[in-house]
Amino acid sequence: MTVNYDKLWKLLIDKKISKTQLVHKSGISTNAMAKMGKNQFVRLEVLIRICDILHCRIDDIIDYSMDVETERGGNSYEI
């Protein structure tokens, strides 16, 4: 599974909120913010806190895709 937070960064720009402001307002850690900057997974609680501050839904801030490995060839495909 891969995750992408580009929607979050765009939303922050649209709302004129910096990453530092979001960290302070939401109470999330700078480590969580750094993980999102690298498109790594963070806890659901982090995403919920961000959505509470930005008044949005999780699908407004994150994109993800499932990579499923087939049983025969070991190839993967996205759902």
PDB file of N, CA and C in Angstrom:
ATOM      1  N   MET A   1       0.851  -1.161   0.000  1.00  0.00           N
ATOM      2  CA  MET A   1       0.000   0.000   0.000  1.00  0.00           C
ATOM      3  C   MET A   1       0.905   1.235   0.000  1.00  0.00           C
ATOM      4  N   THR A   2       0.533   2.202  -0.777  1.00  0.00           N
ATOM      5  CA  THR A   2       1.262   3.470  -0.796  1.00  0.00           C
ATOM      6  C   THR A   2       0.328   4.595  -0.376  1.00  0.00           C
ATOM      7  N   VAL A   3       0.904   5.618   0.195  1.00  0.00           N
ATOM      8  CA  VAL A   3       0.125   6.740   0.695  1.00  0.00           C
ATOM      9  C   VAL A   3       0.757   8.038   0.193  1.00  0.00           C
ATOM     10  N   ASN A   4      -0.090   9.056  -0.020  1.00  0.00           N
ATOM     11  CA  ASN A   4       0.372  10.330  -0.542  1.00  0.00           C
ATOM     12  C   ASN A   4      -0.415  11.448   0.141  1.00  0.00           C
ATOM     13  N   TYR A   5       0.282  12.464   0.624  1.00  0.00           N
ATOM     14  CA  TYR A   5      -0.349  13.566   1.362  1.00  0.00           C
ATOM     15  C   TYR A   5      -0.390  14.865   0.561  1.00  0.00           C
ATOM     16  N   ASP A   6      -0.255  14.809  -0.745  1.00  0.00           N
ATOM     17  CA  ASP A   6      -0.264  16.026  -1.562  1.00  0.00           C
ATOM     18  C   ASP A   6      -1.535  16.846  -1.358  1.00  0.00           C
ATOM     19  N   LYS A   7      -2.660  16.175  -1.145  1.00  0.00           N
ATOM     20  CA  LYS A   7      -3.917  16.899  -0.911  1.00  0.00           C
ATOM     21  C   LYS A   7      -3.844  17.726   0.375  1.00  0.00           C
ATOM     22  N   LEU A   8      -3.166  17.208   1.383  1.00  0.00           N
ATOM     23  CA  LEU A   8      -3.000  17.952   2.637  1.00  0.00           C
ATOM     24  C   LEU A   8      -2.187  19.212   2.399  1.00  0.00           C
ATOM     25  N   TRP A   9      -1.081  19.094   1.694  1.00  0.00           N
ATOM     26  CA  TRP A   9      -0.222  20.260   1.465  1.00  0.00           C
ATOM     27  C   TRP A   9      -0.963  21.333   0.669  1.00  0.00           C
ATOM     28  N   LYS A  10      -1.755  20.911  -0.313  1.00  0.00           N
ATOM     29  CA  LYS A  10      -2.541  21.872  -1.097  1.00  0.00           C
ATOM     30  C   LYS A  10      -3.584  22.560  -0.214  1.00  0.00           C
ATOM     31  N   LEU A  11      -4.236  21.773   0.647  1.00  0.00           N
ATOM     32  CA  LEU A  11      -5.253  22.334   1.541  1.00  0.00           C
ATOM     33  C   LEU A  11      -4.631  23.346   2.505  1.00  0.00           C
ATOM     34  N   LEU A  12      -3.447  23.053   3.010  1.00  0.00           N
ATOM     35  CA  LEU A  12      -2.771  24.003   3.893  1.00  0.00           C
ATOM     36  C   LEU A  12      -2.468  25.306   3.163  1.00  0.00           C
ATOM     37  N   ILE A  13      -2.026  25.209   1.917  1.00  0.00           N
ATOM     38  CA  ILE A  13      -1.764  26.411   1.123  1.00  0.00           C
ATOM     39  C   ILE A  13      -3.055  27.192   0.914  1.00  0.00           C
ATOM     40  N   ASP A  14      -4.132  26.502   0.549  1.00  0.00           N
ATOM     41  CA  ASP A  14      -5.415  27.165   0.311  1.00  0.00           C
ATOM     42  C   ASP A  14      -5.930  27.878   1.560  1.00  0.00           C
ATOM     43  N   LYS A  15      -5.692  27.281   2.730  1.00  0.00           N
ATOM     44  CA  LYS A  15      -6.164  27.865   3.991  1.00  0.00           C
ATOM     45  C   LYS A  15      -5.124  28.788   4.635  1.00  0.00           C
ATOM     46  N   LYS A  16      -3.979  28.946   3.953  1.00  0.00           N
ATOM     47  CA  LYS A  16      -2.898  29.810   4.442  1.00  0.00           C
ATOM     48  C   LYS A  16      -2.453  29.412   5.852  1.00  0.00           C
ATOM     49  N   ILE A  17      -2.250  28.105   6.032  1.00  0.00           N
ATOM     50  CA  ILE A  17      -1.779  27.559   7.302  1.00  0.00           C
ATOM     51  C   ILE A  17      -0.430  26.887   7.046  1.00  0.00           C
ATOM     52  N   SER A  18       0.553  27.213   7.861  1.00  0.00           N
ATOM     53  CA  SER A  18       1.868  26.586   7.706  1.00  0.00           C
ATOM     54  C   SER A  18       1.878  25.226   8.403  1.00  0.00           C
ATOM     55  N   LYS A  19       2.856  24.422   8.066  1.00  0.00           N
ATOM     56  CA  LYS A  19       3.008  23.120   8.722  1.00  0.00           C
ATOM     57  C   LYS A  19       3.260  23.314  10.216  1.00  0.00           C
ATOM     58  N   THR A  20       4.035  24.325  10.556  1.00  0.00           N
ATOM     59  CA  THR A  20       4.318  24.608  11.969  1.00  0.00           C
ATOM     60  C   THR A  20       3.041  24.984  12.710  1.00  0.00           C
ATOM     61  N   GLN A  21       2.212  25.814  12.095  1.00  0.00           N
ATOM     62  CA  GLN A  21       0.942  26.182  12.717  1.00  0.00           C
ATOM     63  C   GLN A  21       0.057  24.955  12.910  1.00  0.00           C
ATOM     64  N   LEU A  22       0.031  24.079  11.926  1.00  0.00           N
ATOM     65  CA  LEU A  22      -0.782  22.873  12.034  1.00  0.00           C
ATOM     66  C   LEU A  22      -0.297  21.991  13.180  1.00  0.00           C
ATOM     67  N   VAL A  23       1.011  21.861  13.322  1.00  0.00           N
ATOM     68  CA  VAL A  23       1.570  21.072  14.429  1.00  0.00           C
ATOM     69  C   VAL A  23       1.107  21.649  15.764  1.00  0.00           C
ATOM     70  N   HIS A  24       1.201  22.965  15.923  1.00  0.00           N
ATOM     71  CA  HIS A  24       0.820  23.593  17.185  1.00  0.00           C
ATOM     72  C   HIS A  24      -0.682  23.515  17.444  1.00  0.00           C
ATOM     73  N   LYS A  25      -1.493  23.771  16.432  1.00  0.00           N
ATOM     74  CA  LYS A  25      -2.946  23.760  16.611  1.00  0.00           C
ATOM     75  C   LYS A  25      -3.500  22.366  16.859  1.00  0.00           C
ATOM     76  N   SER A  26      -2.928  21.370  16.206  1.00  0.00           N
ATOM     77  CA  SER A  26      -3.473  20.013  16.293  1.00  0.00           C
ATOM     78  C   SER A  26      -2.845  19.187  17.410  1.00  0.00           C
ATOM     79  N   GLY A  27      -1.664  19.581  17.851  1.00  0.00           N
ATOM     80  CA  GLY A  27      -0.979  18.817  18.884  1.00  0.00           C
ATOM     81  C   GLY A  27      -0.281  17.567  18.373  1.00  0.00           C
ATOM     82  N   ILE A  28      -0.143  17.455  17.046  1.00  0.00           N
ATOM     83  CA  ILE A  28       0.582  16.299  16.505  1.00  0.00           C
ATOM     84  C   ILE A  28       2.081  16.543  16.659  1.00  0.00           C
ATOM     85  N   SER A  29       2.848  15.493  16.583  1.00  0.00           N
ATOM     86  CA  SER A  29       4.297  15.627  16.763  1.00  0.00           C
ATOM     87  C   SER A  29       4.969  16.077  15.462  1.00  0.00           C
ATOM     88  N   THR A  30       6.134  16.677  15.624  1.00  0.00           N
ATOM     89  CA  THR A  30       6.913  17.042  14.443  1.00  0.00           C
ATOM     90  C   THR A  30       7.370  15.784  13.710  1.00  0.00           C
ATOM     91  N   ASN A  31       7.520  14.700  14.444  1.00  0.00           N
ATOM     92  CA  ASN A  31       7.878  13.417  13.830  1.00  0.00           C
ATOM     93  C   ASN A  31       6.771  12.955  12.875  1.00  0.00           C
ATOM     94  N   ALA A  32       5.511  13.090  13.300  1.00  0.00           N
ATOM     95  CA  ALA A  32       4.384  12.716  12.435  1.00  0.00           C
ATOM     96  C   ALA A  32       4.364  13.592  11.184  1.00  0.00           C
ATOM     97  N   MET A  33       4.630  14.881  11.357  1.00  0.00           N
ATOM     98  CA  MET A  33       4.660  15.793  10.209  1.00  0.00           C
ATOM     99  C   MET A  33       5.781  15.402   9.255  1.00  0.00           C
ATOM    100  N   ALA A  34       6.933  15.038   9.803  1.00  0.00           N
ATOM    101  CA  ALA A  34       8.060  14.619   8.962  1.00  0.00           C
ATOM    102  C   ALA A  34       7.725  13.344   8.198  1.00  0.00           C
ATOM    103  N   LYS A  35       7.047  12.411   8.845  1.00  0.00           N
ATOM    104  CA  LYS A  35       6.641  11.171   8.171  1.00  0.00           C
ATOM    105  C   LYS A  35       5.704  11.476   7.008  1.00  0.00           C
ATOM    106  N   MET A  36       4.760  12.385   7.219  1.00  0.00           N
ATOM    107  CA  MET A  36       3.843  12.742   6.137  1.00  0.00           C
ATOM    108  C   MET A  36       4.595  13.426   5.004  1.00  0.00           C
ATOM    109  N   GLY A  37       5.612  14.205   5.336  1.00  0.00           N
ATOM    110  CA  GLY A  37       6.433  14.845   4.315  1.00  0.00           C
ATOM    111  C   GLY A  37       7.163  13.843   3.440  1.00  0.00           C
ATOM    112  N   LYS A  38       7.388  12.644   3.989  1.00  0.00           N
ATOM    113  CA  LYS A  38       8.050  11.567   3.246  1.00  0.00           C
ATOM    114  C   LYS A  38       7.048  10.546   2.714  1.00  0.00           C
ATOM    115  N   ASN A  39       5.757  10.881   2.770  1.00  0.00           N
ATOM    116  CA  ASN A  39       4.679   9.978   2.334  1.00  0.00           C
ATOM    117  C   ASN A  39       4.762   8.622   3.026  1.00  0.00           C
ATOM    118  N   GLN A  40       4.992   8.670   4.335  1.00  0.00           N
ATOM    119  CA  GLN A  40       4.993   7.464   5.150  1.00  0.00           C
ATOM    120  C   GLN A  40       3.703   7.403   5.959  1.00  0.00           C
ATOM    121  N   PHE A  41       3.417   6.235   6.493  1.00  0.00           N
ATOM    122  CA  PHE A  41       2.199   6.045   7.268  1.00  0.00           C
ATOM    123  C   PHE A  41       2.292   6.725   8.632  1.00  0.00           C
ATOM    124  N   VAL A  42       1.168   7.288   9.063  1.00  0.00           N
ATOM    125  CA  VAL A  42       1.029   7.843  10.411  1.00  0.00           C
ATOM    126  C   VAL A  42      -0.214   7.231  11.043  1.00  0.00           C
ATOM    127  N   ARG A  43      -0.329   7.381  12.338  1.00  0.00           N
ATOM    128  CA  ARG A  43      -1.483   6.829  13.051  1.00  0.00           C
ATOM    129  C   ARG A  43      -2.769   7.527  12.623  1.00  0.00           C
ATOM    130  N   LEU A  44      -3.862   6.790  12.694  1.00  0.00           N
ATOM    131  CA  LEU A  44      -5.173   7.338  12.352  1.00  0.00           C
ATOM    132  C   LEU A  44      -5.505   8.530  13.242  1.00  0.00           C
ATOM    133  N   GLU A  45      -5.104   8.484  14.495  1.00  0.00           N
ATOM    134  CA  GLU A  45      -5.352   9.584  15.424  1.00  0.00           C
ATOM    135  C   GLU A  45      -4.765  10.896  14.899  1.00  0.00           C
ATOM    136  N   VAL A  46      -3.606  10.834  14.282  1.00  0.00           N
ATOM    137  CA  VAL A  46      -2.961  12.020  13.711  1.00  0.00           C
ATOM    138  C   VAL A  46      -3.833  12.601  12.604  1.00  0.00           C
ATOM    139  N   LEU A  47      -4.317  11.740  11.723  1.00  0.00           N
ATOM    140  CA  LEU A  47      -5.160  12.201  10.613  1.00  0.00           C
ATOM    141  C   LEU A  47      -6.465  12.802  11.122  1.00  0.00           C
ATOM    142  N   ILE A  48      -7.037  12.201  12.156  1.00  0.00           N
ATOM    143  CA  ILE A  48      -8.287  12.717  12.723  1.00  0.00           C
ATOM    144  C   ILE A  48      -8.063  14.094  13.342  1.00  0.00           C
ATOM    145  N   ARG A  49      -6.974  14.271  14.065  1.00  0.00           N
ATOM    146  CA  ARG A  49      -6.672  15.585  14.654  1.00  0.00           C
ATOM    147  C   ARG A  49      -6.521  16.650  13.573  1.00  0.00           C
ATOM    148  N   ILE A  50      -5.834  16.301  12.496  1.00  0.00           N
ATOM    149  CA  ILE A  50      -5.657  17.243  11.390  1.00  0.00           C
ATOM    150  C   ILE A  50      -7.009  17.601  10.787  1.00  0.00           C
ATOM    151  N   CYS A  51      -7.835  16.603  10.564  1.00  0.00           N
ATOM    152  CA  CYS A  51      -9.157  16.855   9.985  1.00  0.00           C
ATOM    153  C   CYS A  51     -10.016  17.719  10.901  1.00  0.00           C
ATOM    154  N   ASP A  52      -9.912  17.526  12.211  1.00  0.00           N
ATOM    155  CA  ASP A  52     -10.662  18.362  13.152  1.00  0.00           C
ATOM    156  C   ASP A  52     -10.249  19.826  13.029  1.00  0.00           C
ATOM    157  N   ILE A  53      -8.956  20.072  12.901  1.00  0.00           N
ATOM    158  CA  ILE A  53      -8.454  21.445  12.790  1.00  0.00           C
ATOM    159  C   ILE A  53      -8.837  22.067  11.450  1.00  0.00           C
ATOM    160  N   LEU A  54      -8.739  21.293  10.379  1.00  0.00           N
ATOM    161  CA  LEU A  54      -8.995  21.822   9.032  1.00  0.00           C
ATOM    162  C   LEU A  54     -10.458  21.713   8.608  1.00  0.00           C
ATOM    163  N   HIS A  55     -11.286  21.102   9.463  1.00  0.00           N
ATOM    164  CA  HIS A  55     -12.711  20.912   9.161  1.00  0.00           C
ATOM    165  C   HIS A  55     -12.892  20.208   7.818  1.00  0.00           C
ATOM    166  N   CYS A  56     -12.267  19.038   7.726  1.00  0.00           N
ATOM    167  CA  CYS A  56     -12.344  18.274   6.486  1.00  0.00           C
ATOM    168  C   CYS A  56     -12.442  16.788   6.808  1.00  0.00           C
ATOM    169  N   ARG A  57     -12.516  15.984   5.769  1.00  0.00           N
ATOM    170  CA  ARG A  57     -12.561  14.532   5.911  1.00  0.00           C
ATOM    171  C   ARG A  57     -11.188  13.959   5.571  1.00  0.00           C
ATOM    172  N   ILE A  58     -10.953  12.735   6.020  1.00  0.00           N
ATOM    173  CA  ILE A  58      -9.655  12.105   5.774  1.00  0.00           C
ATOM    174  C   ILE A  58      -9.352  12.015   4.280  1.00  0.00           C
ATOM    175  N   ASP A  59     -10.369  11.725   3.471  1.00  0.00           N
ATOM    176  CA  ASP A  59     -10.101  11.613   2.032  1.00  0.00           C
ATOM    177  C   ASP A  59      -9.820  12.973   1.383  1.00  0.00           C
ATOM    178  N   ASP A  60      -9.973  14.062   2.150  1.00  0.00           N
ATOM    179  CA  ASP A  60      -9.590  15.386   1.653  1.00  0.00           C
ATOM    180  C   ASP A  60      -8.095  15.653   1.820  1.00  0.00           C
ATOM    181  N   ILE A  61      -7.410  14.822   2.624  1.00  0.00           N
ATOM    182  CA  ILE A  61      -5.998  15.088   2.907  1.00  0.00           C
ATOM    183  C   ILE A  61      -5.060  13.956   2.510  1.00  0.00           C
ATOM    184  N   ILE A  62      -5.592  12.829   2.092  1.00  0.00           N
ATOM    185  CA  ILE A  62      -4.735  11.673   1.821  1.00  0.00           C
ATOM    186  C   ILE A  62      -5.238  10.905   0.605  1.00  0.00           C
ATOM    187  N   ASP A  63      -4.299  10.422  -0.179  1.00  0.00           N
ATOM    188  CA  ASP A  63      -4.583   9.466  -1.253  1.00  0.00           C
ATOM    189  C   ASP A  63      -3.809   8.202  -0.930  1.00  0.00           C
ATOM    190  N   TYR A  64      -4.397   7.066  -1.232  1.00  0.00           N
ATOM    191  CA  TYR A  64      -3.681   5.813  -1.032  1.00  0.00           C
ATOM    192  C   TYR A  64      -4.048   4.845  -2.137  1.00  0.00           C
ATOM    193  N   SER A  65      -3.167   3.901  -2.361  1.00  0.00           N
ATOM    194  CA  SER A  65      -3.457   2.845  -3.327  1.00  0.00           C
ATOM    195  C   SER A  65      -2.992   1.529  -2.737  1.00  0.00           C
ATOM    196  N   MET A  66      -3.737   0.493  -3.049  1.00  0.00           N
ATOM    197  CA  MET A  66      -3.425  -0.853  -2.573  1.00  0.00           C
ATOM    198  C   MET A  66      -2.648  -1.570  -3.658  1.00  0.00           C
ATOM    199  N   ASP A  67      -1.504  -2.096  -3.321  1.00  0.00           N
ATOM    200  CA  ASP A  67      -0.738  -2.946  -4.224  1.00  0.00           C
ATOM    201  C   ASP A  67      -1.012  -4.377  -3.799  1.00  0.00           C
ATOM    202  N   VAL A  68      -1.631  -5.136  -4.685  1.00  0.00           N
ATOM    203  CA  VAL A  68      -2.005  -6.508  -4.358  1.00  0.00           C
ATOM    204  C   VAL A  68      -1.129  -7.454  -5.160  1.00  0.00           C
ATOM    205  N   GLU A  69      -0.483  -8.376  -4.480  1.00  0.00           N
ATOM    206  CA  GLU A  69       0.376  -9.350  -5.145  1.00  0.00           C
ATOM    207  C   GLU A  69      -0.469 -10.536  -5.595  1.00  0.00           C
ATOM    208  N   THR A  70      -0.327 -10.890  -6.847  1.00  0.00           N
ATOM    209  CA  THR A  70      -1.065 -12.044  -7.347  1.00  0.00           C
ATOM    210  C   THR A  70      -0.404 -13.323  -6.873  1.00  0.00           C
ATOM    211  N   GLU A  71      -1.181 -14.366  -6.736  1.00  0.00           N
ATOM    212  CA  GLU A  71      -0.666 -15.631  -6.215  1.00  0.00           C
ATOM    213  C   GLU A  71       0.279 -16.316  -7.193  1.00  0.00           C
ATOM    214  N   ARG A  72       0.045 -16.213  -8.476  1.00  0.00           N
ATOM    215  CA  ARG A  72       0.836 -16.970  -9.452  1.00  0.00           C
ATOM    216  C   ARG A  72       2.183 -16.346  -9.732  1.00  0.00           C
ATOM    217  N   GLY A  73       2.169 -15.183 -10.296  1.00  0.00           N
ATOM    218  CA  GLY A  73       3.413 -14.613 -10.796  1.00  0.00           C
ATOM    219  C   GLY A  73       4.110 -13.681  -9.839  1.00  0.00           C
ATOM    220  N   GLY A  74       3.463 -13.329  -8.755  1.00  0.00           N
ATOM    221  CA  GLY A  74       4.083 -12.397  -7.837  1.00  0.00           C
ATOM    222  C   GLY A  74       4.043 -10.959  -8.324  1.00  0.00           C
ATOM    223  N   ASN A  75       3.353 -10.707  -9.441  1.00  0.00           N
ATOM    224  CA  ASN A  75       3.216  -9.345  -9.939  1.00  0.00           C
ATOM    225  C   ASN A  75       2.222  -8.604  -9.065  1.00  0.00           C
ATOM    226  N   SER A  76       2.342  -7.300  -9.037  1.00  0.00           N
ATOM    227  CA  SER A  76       1.389  -6.523  -8.258  1.00  0.00           C
ATOM    228  C   SER A  76       0.579  -5.640  -9.191  1.00  0.00           C
ATOM    229  N   TYR A  77      -0.577  -5.241  -8.715  1.00  0.00           N
ATOM    230  CA  TYR A  77      -1.425  -4.327  -9.463  1.00  0.00           C
ATOM    231  C   TYR A  77      -2.160  -3.460  -8.465  1.00  0.00           C
ATOM    232  N   GLU A  78      -2.605  -2.303  -8.919  1.00  0.00           N
ATOM    233  CA  GLU A  78      -3.324  -1.387  -8.044  1.00  0.00           C
ATOM    234  C   GLU A  78      -4.811  -1.617  -8.166  1.00  0.00           C
ATOM    235  N   ILE A  79      -5.482  -1.499  -7.042  1.00  0.00           N
ATOM    236  CA  ILE A  79      -6.946  -1.615  -7.017  1.00  0.00           C
ATOM    237  C   ILE A  79      -7.525  -0.228  -7.121  1.00  0.00           C
TER     238      ILE A  79
END
